């Protein structure tokens, strides 16, 4: 492969030869938990199908067990961050979701360590404001409210947050 430099960019010129396939086989045996996790928490039935279809899949060292994988259990647990709302949002500005991020270890070029997001539930329009201090949230909300009401021609209705204390005095 060759590369030529054009300013700050390198342009690669691949050298095409014949078809190349990099493959390896293995006869190693691994513990069931290791194989299960390394194959993306695959079901045992799918693992048996893979053994027939693919060379090089690691074999299972230990005998079958009734052990339940903690990662698989956690992946099946559902969590609702917000209660389901029976009312359907039919217009922009009917429901706004907000959250504050920070402090961020690496500050922005403008020395901002926080960000506040506002998401319109109807349009999914996202607005993000960067802040130097968390105390600027109210100021940024007032800016967002004014912008949103100007754009949509409608008053802002409820705002939903994670109750992290950003909007309390």
N, C-alpha and C. Protein backbone atom coordinates (compact mmCIF):
# COMPACT_ATOMS: atom_id res chain seq x y z
N UNK A 1 0.84 -1.17 0.00
CA UNK A 1 0.00 0.00 0.00
C UNK A 1 0.89 1.23 0.00
N UNK A 2 0.52 2.22 -0.78
CA UNK A 2 1.26 3.47 -0.86
C UNK A 2 0.39 4.60 -0.34
N UNK A 3 1.05 5.67 0.12
CA UNK A 3 0.31 6.84 0.57
C UNK A 3 1.07 8.09 0.14
N UNK A 4 0.35 9.08 -0.41
CA UNK A 4 0.93 10.36 -0.77
C UNK A 4 0.31 11.43 0.12
N UNK A 5 1.15 12.38 0.50
CA UNK A 5 0.67 13.44 1.38
C UNK A 5 0.21 14.64 0.55
N UNK A 6 -0.98 15.13 0.85
CA UNK A 6 -1.54 16.33 0.25
C UNK A 6 -1.89 17.28 1.39
N UNK A 7 -1.01 18.20 1.70
CA UNK A 7 -1.24 19.09 2.84
C UNK A 7 -1.20 18.29 4.13
N UNK A 8 -2.29 18.30 4.87
CA UNK A 8 -2.37 17.56 6.13
C UNK A 8 -3.09 16.23 5.98
N UNK A 9 -3.32 15.81 4.74
CA UNK A 9 -4.07 14.59 4.49
C UNK A 9 -3.22 13.61 3.70
N UNK A 10 -3.30 12.33 4.07
CA UNK A 10 -2.64 11.27 3.32
C UNK A 10 -3.68 10.55 2.49
N UNK A 11 -3.40 10.40 1.19
CA UNK A 11 -4.30 9.67 0.31
C UNK A 11 -3.70 8.29 0.08
N UNK A 12 -4.44 7.26 0.49
CA UNK A 12 -3.96 5.88 0.36
C UNK A 12 -4.21 5.36 -1.03
N UNK A 13 -3.22 4.65 -1.54
CA UNK A 13 -3.35 4.00 -2.83
C UNK A 13 -3.13 2.51 -2.58
N UNK A 14 -4.23 1.77 -2.45
CA UNK A 14 -4.08 0.34 -2.14
C UNK A 14 -3.52 -0.44 -3.33
N UNK A 15 -2.76 -1.44 -3.02
CA UNK A 15 -2.23 -2.33 -4.04
C UNK A 15 -3.08 -3.58 -4.02
N UNK A 16 -3.81 -3.81 -5.09
CA UNK A 16 -4.71 -4.96 -5.14
C UNK A 16 -4.01 -6.14 -5.75
N UNK A 17 -3.96 -7.20 -5.00
CA UNK A 17 -3.42 -8.45 -5.50
C UNK A 17 -4.57 -9.42 -5.65
N UNK A 18 -4.29 -10.66 -5.47
CA UNK A 18 -5.36 -11.66 -5.50
C UNK A 18 -6.20 -11.54 -4.24
N UNK A 19 -7.25 -12.31 -4.20
CA UNK A 19 -8.11 -12.34 -3.03
C UNK A 19 -7.32 -12.88 -1.84
N UNK A 20 -7.44 -12.24 -0.72
CA UNK A 20 -6.74 -12.67 0.48
C UNK A 20 -7.76 -12.92 1.57
N UNK A 21 -7.61 -14.02 2.24
CA UNK A 21 -8.50 -14.34 3.34
C UNK A 21 -7.65 -14.71 4.54
N UNK A 22 -7.86 -14.02 5.62
CA UNK A 22 -7.13 -14.33 6.84
C UNK A 22 -8.06 -15.13 7.74
N UNK A 23 -7.72 -16.35 7.98
CA UNK A 23 -8.56 -17.22 8.81
C UNK A 23 -7.68 -18.06 9.70
N UNK A 24 -8.24 -18.46 10.81
CA UNK A 24 -7.50 -19.32 11.73
C UNK A 24 -8.46 -20.32 12.33
N UNK A 25 -7.94 -21.46 12.64
CA UNK A 25 -8.75 -22.46 13.33
C UNK A 25 -8.14 -22.70 14.69
N UNK A 26 -8.93 -23.24 15.56
CA UNK A 26 -8.43 -23.51 16.90
C UNK A 26 -9.04 -24.80 17.42
N UNK A 27 -8.30 -25.43 18.28
CA UNK A 27 -8.85 -26.62 18.93
C UNK A 27 -8.93 -26.38 20.43
N UNK A 28 -8.77 -25.12 20.82
CA UNK A 28 -8.76 -24.80 22.25
C UNK A 28 -10.15 -24.98 22.85
N UNK A 29 -10.15 -25.21 24.14
CA UNK A 29 -11.40 -25.34 24.87
C UNK A 29 -11.41 -24.27 25.96
N UNK A 30 -12.54 -23.62 26.10
CA UNK A 30 -12.69 -22.52 27.05
C UNK A 30 -13.85 -22.83 27.99
N UNK A 31 -13.85 -22.20 29.18
CA UNK A 31 -15.00 -22.35 30.07
C UNK A 31 -16.27 -21.80 29.41
N UNK A 32 -17.40 -22.38 29.75
CA UNK A 32 -18.68 -22.00 29.16
C UNK A 32 -18.92 -20.48 29.26
N UNK A 33 -18.66 -19.90 30.42
CA UNK A 33 -18.92 -18.47 30.62
C UNK A 33 -18.07 -17.61 29.69
N UNK A 34 -16.83 -18.01 29.46
CA UNK A 34 -15.93 -17.25 28.58
C UNK A 34 -16.42 -17.31 27.14
N UNK A 35 -16.79 -18.50 26.67
CA UNK A 35 -17.29 -18.66 25.29
C UNK A 35 -18.58 -17.86 25.12
N UNK A 36 -19.47 -17.98 26.08
CA UNK A 36 -20.76 -17.28 26.02
C UNK A 36 -20.55 -15.77 25.92
N UNK A 37 -19.68 -15.22 26.74
CA UNK A 37 -19.43 -13.78 26.74
C UNK A 37 -18.68 -13.34 25.48
N UNK A 38 -17.70 -14.12 25.05
CA UNK A 38 -16.90 -13.72 23.88
C UNK A 38 -17.69 -13.78 22.58
N UNK A 39 -18.78 -14.54 22.56
CA UNK A 39 -19.63 -14.61 21.37
C UNK A 39 -20.86 -13.71 21.52
N UNK A 40 -20.75 -12.71 22.37
CA UNK A 40 -21.83 -11.73 22.50
C UNK A 40 -23.04 -12.22 23.25
N UNK A 41 -22.82 -13.09 24.25
CA UNK A 41 -23.90 -13.64 25.08
C UNK A 41 -24.90 -14.43 24.23
N UNK A 42 -24.36 -15.25 23.37
CA UNK A 42 -25.16 -16.06 22.45
C UNK A 42 -25.91 -17.15 23.20
N UNK A 43 -27.11 -17.49 22.71
CA UNK A 43 -27.87 -18.60 23.28
C UNK A 43 -27.14 -19.91 22.98
N UNK A 44 -27.28 -20.89 23.86
CA UNK A 44 -26.57 -22.16 23.67
C UNK A 44 -27.01 -22.85 22.39
N UNK A 45 -28.29 -22.75 22.04
CA UNK A 45 -28.79 -23.37 20.81
C UNK A 45 -28.09 -22.76 19.59
N UNK A 46 -27.91 -21.44 19.60
CA UNK A 46 -27.22 -20.75 18.49
C UNK A 46 -25.74 -21.15 18.46
N UNK A 47 -25.16 -21.32 19.63
CA UNK A 47 -23.76 -21.74 19.71
C UNK A 47 -23.59 -23.10 19.04
N UNK A 48 -24.50 -24.03 19.30
CA UNK A 48 -24.42 -25.36 18.68
C UNK A 48 -24.55 -25.25 17.16
N UNK A 49 -25.38 -24.34 16.66
CA UNK A 49 -25.50 -24.13 15.22
C UNK A 49 -24.20 -23.56 14.65
N UNK A 50 -23.57 -22.65 15.38
CA UNK A 50 -22.29 -22.08 14.93
C UNK A 50 -21.21 -23.15 14.82
N UNK A 51 -21.19 -24.08 15.75
CA UNK A 51 -20.19 -25.15 15.72
C UNK A 51 -20.26 -25.93 14.41
N UNK A 52 -21.47 -26.12 13.90
CA UNK A 52 -21.65 -26.87 12.66
C UNK A 52 -21.25 -26.01 11.45
N UNK A 53 -21.56 -24.72 11.50
CA UNK A 53 -21.38 -23.85 10.34
C UNK A 53 -20.00 -23.23 10.21
N UNK A 54 -19.29 -23.01 11.31
CA UNK A 54 -18.06 -22.22 11.29
C UNK A 54 -16.90 -23.00 11.89
N UNK A 55 -15.76 -22.96 11.20
CA UNK A 55 -14.54 -23.56 11.75
C UNK A 55 -13.88 -22.54 12.67
N UNK A 56 -13.28 -23.01 13.74
CA UNK A 56 -12.51 -22.14 14.62
C UNK A 56 -13.26 -21.62 15.82
N UNK A 57 -14.52 -22.00 15.98
CA UNK A 57 -15.27 -21.57 17.16
C UNK A 57 -14.71 -22.33 18.37
N UNK A 58 -14.40 -21.62 19.46
CA UNK A 58 -13.86 -22.32 20.62
C UNK A 58 -14.86 -23.32 21.20
N UNK A 59 -14.35 -24.45 21.61
CA UNK A 59 -15.18 -25.49 22.23
C UNK A 59 -15.36 -25.19 23.71
N UNK A 60 -16.42 -25.75 24.27
CA UNK A 60 -16.71 -25.53 25.69
C UNK A 60 -16.03 -26.62 26.51
N UNK A 61 -15.31 -26.18 27.52
CA UNK A 61 -14.52 -27.06 28.36
C UNK A 61 -15.37 -27.77 29.41
N UNK A 62 -16.24 -27.04 30.07
CA UNK A 62 -16.99 -27.63 31.19
C UNK A 62 -18.36 -28.14 30.75
N UNK A 63 -18.96 -28.93 31.59
CA UNK A 63 -20.25 -29.56 31.29
C UNK A 63 -21.37 -28.52 31.35
N UNK A 64 -22.49 -28.79 30.66
CA UNK A 64 -23.63 -27.87 30.72
C UNK A 64 -24.08 -27.64 32.16
N UNK A 65 -24.54 -26.43 32.41
CA UNK A 65 -25.01 -26.11 33.76
C UNK A 65 -26.28 -25.27 33.67
N UNK A 66 -26.93 -25.10 34.81
CA UNK A 66 -28.13 -24.28 34.86
C UNK A 66 -27.81 -22.84 35.24
N UNK A 67 -26.52 -22.49 35.21
CA UNK A 67 -26.10 -21.14 35.58
C UNK A 67 -26.73 -20.11 34.65
N UNK A 68 -27.24 -19.03 35.23
CA UNK A 68 -27.83 -17.95 34.45
C UNK A 68 -26.84 -16.78 34.43
N UNK A 69 -26.53 -16.31 33.24
CA UNK A 69 -25.56 -15.22 33.06
C UNK A 69 -26.14 -13.91 33.60
N UNK A 70 -25.37 -13.24 34.47
CA UNK A 70 -25.83 -11.97 35.06
C UNK A 70 -26.01 -10.90 33.99
N UNK A 71 -25.11 -10.85 33.01
CA UNK A 71 -25.22 -9.86 31.93
C UNK A 71 -26.48 -10.04 31.12
N UNK A 72 -26.84 -11.30 30.83
CA UNK A 72 -28.07 -11.56 30.08
C UNK A 72 -29.30 -11.15 30.88
N UNK A 73 -29.27 -11.41 32.19
CA UNK A 73 -30.39 -11.01 33.05
C UNK A 73 -30.54 -9.50 33.07
N UNK A 74 -29.43 -8.78 33.21
CA UNK A 74 -29.48 -7.32 33.25
C UNK A 74 -29.99 -6.76 31.92
N UNK A 75 -29.61 -7.40 30.82
CA UNK A 75 -30.05 -6.94 29.50
C UNK A 75 -31.53 -7.11 29.28
N UNK A 76 -32.14 -8.01 30.00
CA UNK A 76 -33.57 -8.27 29.83
C UNK A 76 -34.44 -7.43 30.76
N UNK A 77 -33.80 -6.72 31.68
CA UNK A 77 -34.55 -5.88 32.62
C UNK A 77 -34.90 -4.57 31.92
N UNK A 78 -36.17 -4.24 31.92
CA UNK A 78 -36.61 -2.99 31.32
C UNK A 78 -36.72 -1.91 32.37
N UNK A 79 -36.40 -0.70 32.00
CA UNK A 79 -36.50 0.40 32.94
C UNK A 79 -37.10 1.60 32.23
N UNK A 80 -38.14 2.16 32.81
CA UNK A 80 -38.74 3.36 32.27
C UNK A 80 -38.23 4.55 33.07
N UNK A 81 -37.53 5.46 32.38
CA UNK A 81 -37.02 6.64 33.07
C UNK A 81 -38.15 7.59 33.46
N UNK A 82 -39.15 7.68 32.60
CA UNK A 82 -40.27 8.56 32.86
C UNK A 82 -41.55 7.74 32.82
N UNK A 83 -42.53 8.09 33.62
CA UNK A 83 -43.80 7.36 33.55
C UNK A 83 -44.45 7.57 32.19
N UNK A 84 -45.14 6.57 31.71
CA UNK A 84 -45.83 6.66 30.43
C UNK A 84 -46.94 7.70 30.54
N UNK A 85 -46.99 8.56 29.55
CA UNK A 85 -48.01 9.60 29.52
C UNK A 85 -49.14 9.15 28.62
N UNK A 86 -50.36 9.17 29.13
CA UNK A 86 -51.50 8.71 28.34
C UNK A 86 -51.85 9.71 27.24
N UNK A 87 -51.49 10.98 27.43
CA UNK A 87 -51.78 11.99 26.42
C UNK A 87 -50.71 11.96 25.33
N UNK A 88 -51.15 12.01 24.08
CA UNK A 88 -50.23 12.02 22.95
C UNK A 88 -49.84 13.47 22.67
N UNK A 89 -48.58 13.73 22.45
CA UNK A 89 -48.11 15.06 22.12
C UNK A 89 -48.44 15.31 20.65
N UNK A 90 -49.14 16.40 20.35
CA UNK A 90 -49.59 16.65 18.98
C UNK A 90 -48.97 17.89 18.34
N UNK A 91 -48.22 18.67 19.10
CA UNK A 91 -47.59 19.88 18.56
C UNK A 91 -46.22 20.09 19.19
N UNK A 92 -45.39 20.86 18.49
CA UNK A 92 -44.12 21.27 19.07
C UNK A 92 -44.39 22.12 20.29
N UNK A 93 -43.50 22.07 21.25
CA UNK A 93 -43.55 22.83 22.50
C UNK A 93 -44.59 22.30 23.48
N UNK A 94 -45.26 21.19 23.17
CA UNK A 94 -46.22 20.60 24.11
C UNK A 94 -45.51 19.91 25.27
N UNK A 95 -44.32 19.34 25.01
CA UNK A 95 -43.56 18.66 26.05
C UNK A 95 -42.08 18.75 25.70
N UNK A 96 -41.28 19.23 26.65
CA UNK A 96 -39.84 19.39 26.47
C UNK A 96 -39.13 18.53 27.51
N UNK A 97 -38.12 17.77 27.07
CA UNK A 97 -37.28 16.99 27.97
C UNK A 97 -35.97 17.76 28.15
N UNK A 98 -35.43 17.76 29.35
CA UNK A 98 -34.19 18.50 29.61
C UNK A 98 -33.29 17.73 30.56
N UNK A 99 -31.99 17.91 30.37
CA UNK A 99 -31.02 17.31 31.28
C UNK A 99 -29.75 18.14 31.26
N UNK A 100 -28.98 18.07 32.35
CA UNK A 100 -27.72 18.79 32.46
C UNK A 100 -26.59 17.77 32.53
N UNK A 101 -25.54 18.03 31.77
CA UNK A 101 -24.37 17.16 31.72
C UNK A 101 -23.19 17.92 32.32
N UNK A 102 -22.42 17.24 33.17
CA UNK A 102 -21.21 17.87 33.67
C UNK A 102 -21.03 17.66 35.16
N UNK A 103 -19.91 18.07 35.71
CA UNK A 103 -18.82 18.74 35.01
C UNK A 103 -18.01 17.77 34.14
N UNK A 104 -17.60 18.27 32.99
CA UNK A 104 -16.81 17.48 32.04
C UNK A 104 -15.34 17.72 32.36
N UNK A 105 -14.54 16.66 32.44
CA UNK A 105 -13.13 16.78 32.79
C UNK A 105 -12.39 17.72 31.84
N UNK A 106 -12.54 17.47 30.54
CA UNK A 106 -11.86 18.29 29.54
C UNK A 106 -12.80 19.40 29.10
N UNK A 107 -12.47 20.63 29.47
CA UNK A 107 -13.34 21.76 29.15
C UNK A 107 -13.26 22.09 27.66
N UNK A 108 -14.28 22.78 27.17
CA UNK A 108 -14.29 23.20 25.76
C UNK A 108 -13.29 24.34 25.57
N UNK A 109 -13.11 24.77 24.33
CA UNK A 109 -12.20 25.88 24.05
C UNK A 109 -12.65 27.15 24.76
N UNK A 110 -13.94 27.29 24.98
CA UNK A 110 -14.47 28.45 25.69
C UNK A 110 -14.53 28.25 27.20
N UNK A 111 -13.86 27.24 27.72
CA UNK A 111 -13.78 26.90 29.15
C UNK A 111 -15.11 26.43 29.73
N UNK A 112 -15.98 25.87 28.91
CA UNK A 112 -17.26 25.35 29.40
C UNK A 112 -17.09 23.93 29.92
N UNK A 113 -17.68 23.67 31.08
CA UNK A 113 -17.59 22.34 31.69
C UNK A 113 -18.95 21.68 31.83
N UNK A 114 -20.02 22.38 31.45
CA UNK A 114 -21.38 21.86 31.57
C UNK A 114 -22.13 22.06 30.26
N UNK A 115 -23.17 21.28 30.07
CA UNK A 115 -24.07 21.45 28.93
C UNK A 115 -25.49 21.14 29.39
N UNK A 116 -26.45 21.84 28.83
CA UNK A 116 -27.86 21.56 29.10
C UNK A 116 -28.52 21.26 27.77
N UNK A 117 -29.35 20.20 27.76
CA UNK A 117 -30.05 19.81 26.53
C UNK A 117 -31.54 20.03 26.70
N UNK A 118 -32.17 20.42 25.61
CA UNK A 118 -33.63 20.56 25.55
C UNK A 118 -34.09 19.80 24.31
N UNK A 119 -35.00 18.85 24.49
CA UNK A 119 -35.50 18.04 23.38
C UNK A 119 -37.01 18.19 23.29
N UNK A 120 -37.48 18.64 22.12
CA UNK A 120 -38.91 18.76 21.88
C UNK A 120 -39.46 17.37 21.59
N UNK A 121 -40.41 16.92 22.39
CA UNK A 121 -40.93 15.56 22.27
C UNK A 121 -41.61 15.31 20.93
N UNK A 122 -42.27 16.31 20.38
CA UNK A 122 -43.01 16.14 19.12
C UNK A 122 -42.07 16.06 17.92
N UNK A 123 -41.19 17.06 17.77
CA UNK A 123 -40.32 17.13 16.58
C UNK A 123 -38.98 16.43 16.77
N UNK A 124 -38.63 16.13 18.02
CA UNK A 124 -37.32 15.56 18.38
C UNK A 124 -36.18 16.54 18.10
N UNK A 125 -36.52 17.81 17.98
CA UNK A 125 -35.50 18.85 17.79
C UNK A 125 -34.70 18.98 19.08
N UNK A 126 -33.37 18.98 18.95
CA UNK A 126 -32.49 19.03 20.11
C UNK A 126 -31.75 20.37 20.12
N UNK A 127 -31.76 21.02 21.26
CA UNK A 127 -30.99 22.25 21.46
C UNK A 127 -30.04 22.01 22.62
N UNK A 128 -28.77 22.36 22.41
CA UNK A 128 -27.75 22.17 23.45
C UNK A 128 -27.08 23.51 23.71
N UNK A 129 -26.98 23.88 24.97
CA UNK A 129 -26.26 25.09 25.38
C UNK A 129 -25.08 24.66 26.24
N UNK A 130 -23.91 25.25 25.98
CA UNK A 130 -22.72 25.01 26.79
C UNK A 130 -22.66 26.06 27.89
N UNK A 131 -22.17 25.65 29.06
CA UNK A 131 -22.14 26.57 30.21
C UNK A 131 -20.82 26.41 30.97
N UNK A 132 -20.37 27.50 31.55
CA UNK A 132 -19.17 27.44 32.39
C UNK A 132 -19.52 26.96 33.80
N UNK A 133 -20.73 27.34 34.27
CA UNK A 133 -21.19 26.95 35.61
C UNK A 133 -22.58 26.35 35.51
N UNK A 134 -22.87 25.43 36.40
CA UNK A 134 -24.18 24.79 36.43
C UNK A 134 -25.28 25.80 36.77
N UNK A 135 -24.90 26.86 37.45
CA UNK A 135 -25.86 27.89 37.85
C UNK A 135 -26.45 28.65 36.66
N UNK A 136 -25.88 28.47 35.46
CA UNK A 136 -26.37 29.16 34.27
C UNK A 136 -27.59 28.48 33.65
N UNK A 137 -28.05 27.37 34.23
CA UNK A 137 -29.15 26.60 33.63
C UNK A 137 -30.40 27.44 33.46
N UNK A 138 -30.78 28.20 34.47
CA UNK A 138 -32.00 29.00 34.39
C UNK A 138 -31.90 30.03 33.26
N UNK A 139 -30.75 30.67 33.14
CA UNK A 139 -30.52 31.65 32.07
C UNK A 139 -30.66 30.98 30.70
N UNK A 140 -30.08 29.79 30.54
CA UNK A 140 -30.16 29.06 29.27
C UNK A 140 -31.59 28.60 28.99
N UNK A 141 -32.33 28.22 30.05
CA UNK A 141 -33.71 27.83 29.86
C UNK A 141 -34.54 29.01 29.36
N UNK A 142 -34.31 30.19 29.94
CA UNK A 142 -35.05 31.38 29.50
C UNK A 142 -34.76 31.68 28.03
N UNK A 143 -33.49 31.51 27.62
CA UNK A 143 -33.13 31.71 26.21
C UNK A 143 -33.86 30.70 25.33
N UNK A 144 -33.83 29.43 25.74
CA UNK A 144 -34.50 28.38 24.98
C UNK A 144 -35.99 28.64 24.88
N UNK A 145 -36.60 29.02 26.00
CA UNK A 145 -38.05 29.28 26.03
C UNK A 145 -38.41 30.40 25.06
N UNK A 146 -37.65 31.49 25.08
CA UNK A 146 -37.91 32.61 24.17
C UNK A 146 -37.76 32.18 22.71
N UNK A 147 -36.68 31.45 22.41
CA UNK A 147 -36.45 30.98 21.04
C UNK A 147 -37.57 30.05 20.58
N UNK A 148 -37.94 29.11 21.42
CA UNK A 148 -38.95 28.12 21.05
C UNK A 148 -40.31 28.77 20.83
N UNK A 149 -40.67 29.71 21.70
CA UNK A 149 -41.96 30.38 21.55
C UNK A 149 -41.99 31.27 20.31
N UNK A 150 -40.84 31.85 19.95
CA UNK A 150 -40.75 32.65 18.73
C UNK A 150 -40.87 31.77 17.50
N UNK A 151 -40.17 30.65 17.50
CA UNK A 151 -40.17 29.74 16.34
C UNK A 151 -41.53 29.10 16.13
N UNK A 152 -42.12 28.58 17.21
CA UNK A 152 -43.37 27.82 17.07
C UNK A 152 -44.61 28.69 17.16
N UNK A 153 -44.49 29.88 17.75
CA UNK A 153 -45.66 30.72 17.95
C UNK A 153 -46.57 30.18 19.04
N UNK A 154 -46.07 29.28 19.86
CA UNK A 154 -46.86 28.65 20.92
C UNK A 154 -46.13 28.80 22.24
N UNK A 155 -46.89 28.84 23.31
CA UNK A 155 -46.30 28.88 24.66
C UNK A 155 -45.74 27.51 25.00
N UNK A 156 -44.62 27.52 25.73
CA UNK A 156 -44.04 26.26 26.19
C UNK A 156 -44.95 25.66 27.25
N UNK A 157 -45.17 24.36 27.14
CA UNK A 157 -46.01 23.67 28.13
C UNK A 157 -45.08 22.96 29.11
N UNK A 158 -45.33 21.73 29.56
CA UNK A 158 -44.47 21.13 30.60
C UNK A 158 -43.04 20.88 30.14
N UNK A 159 -42.15 20.94 31.11
CA UNK A 159 -40.76 20.53 30.88
C UNK A 159 -40.50 19.36 31.81
N UNK A 160 -39.85 18.34 31.29
CA UNK A 160 -39.62 17.12 32.05
C UNK A 160 -38.11 16.95 32.22
N UNK A 161 -37.67 16.71 33.46
CA UNK A 161 -36.25 16.47 33.72
C UNK A 161 -36.12 15.30 34.68
N UNK A 162 -34.88 14.94 34.99
CA UNK A 162 -34.64 13.79 35.87
C UNK A 162 -34.64 14.18 37.35
N UNK A 163 -35.09 15.37 37.66
CA UNK A 163 -35.13 15.88 39.04
C UNK A 163 -33.74 15.93 39.68
N UNK A 164 -32.75 16.28 38.88
CA UNK A 164 -31.39 16.38 39.39
C UNK A 164 -31.12 17.67 40.14
N UNK A 165 -32.13 18.51 40.32
CA UNK A 165 -31.97 19.74 41.07
C UNK A 165 -31.61 20.95 40.22
N UNK A 166 -31.56 20.79 38.90
CA UNK A 166 -31.16 21.89 38.02
C UNK A 166 -32.17 23.03 38.04
N UNK A 167 -33.44 22.70 38.25
CA UNK A 167 -34.50 23.70 38.13
C UNK A 167 -35.11 24.09 39.47
N UNK A 168 -34.39 23.83 40.56
CA UNK A 168 -34.89 24.22 41.88
C UNK A 168 -34.11 25.43 42.37
N UNK A 169 -34.77 26.24 43.16
CA UNK A 169 -34.13 27.46 43.67
C UNK A 169 -33.73 27.25 45.11
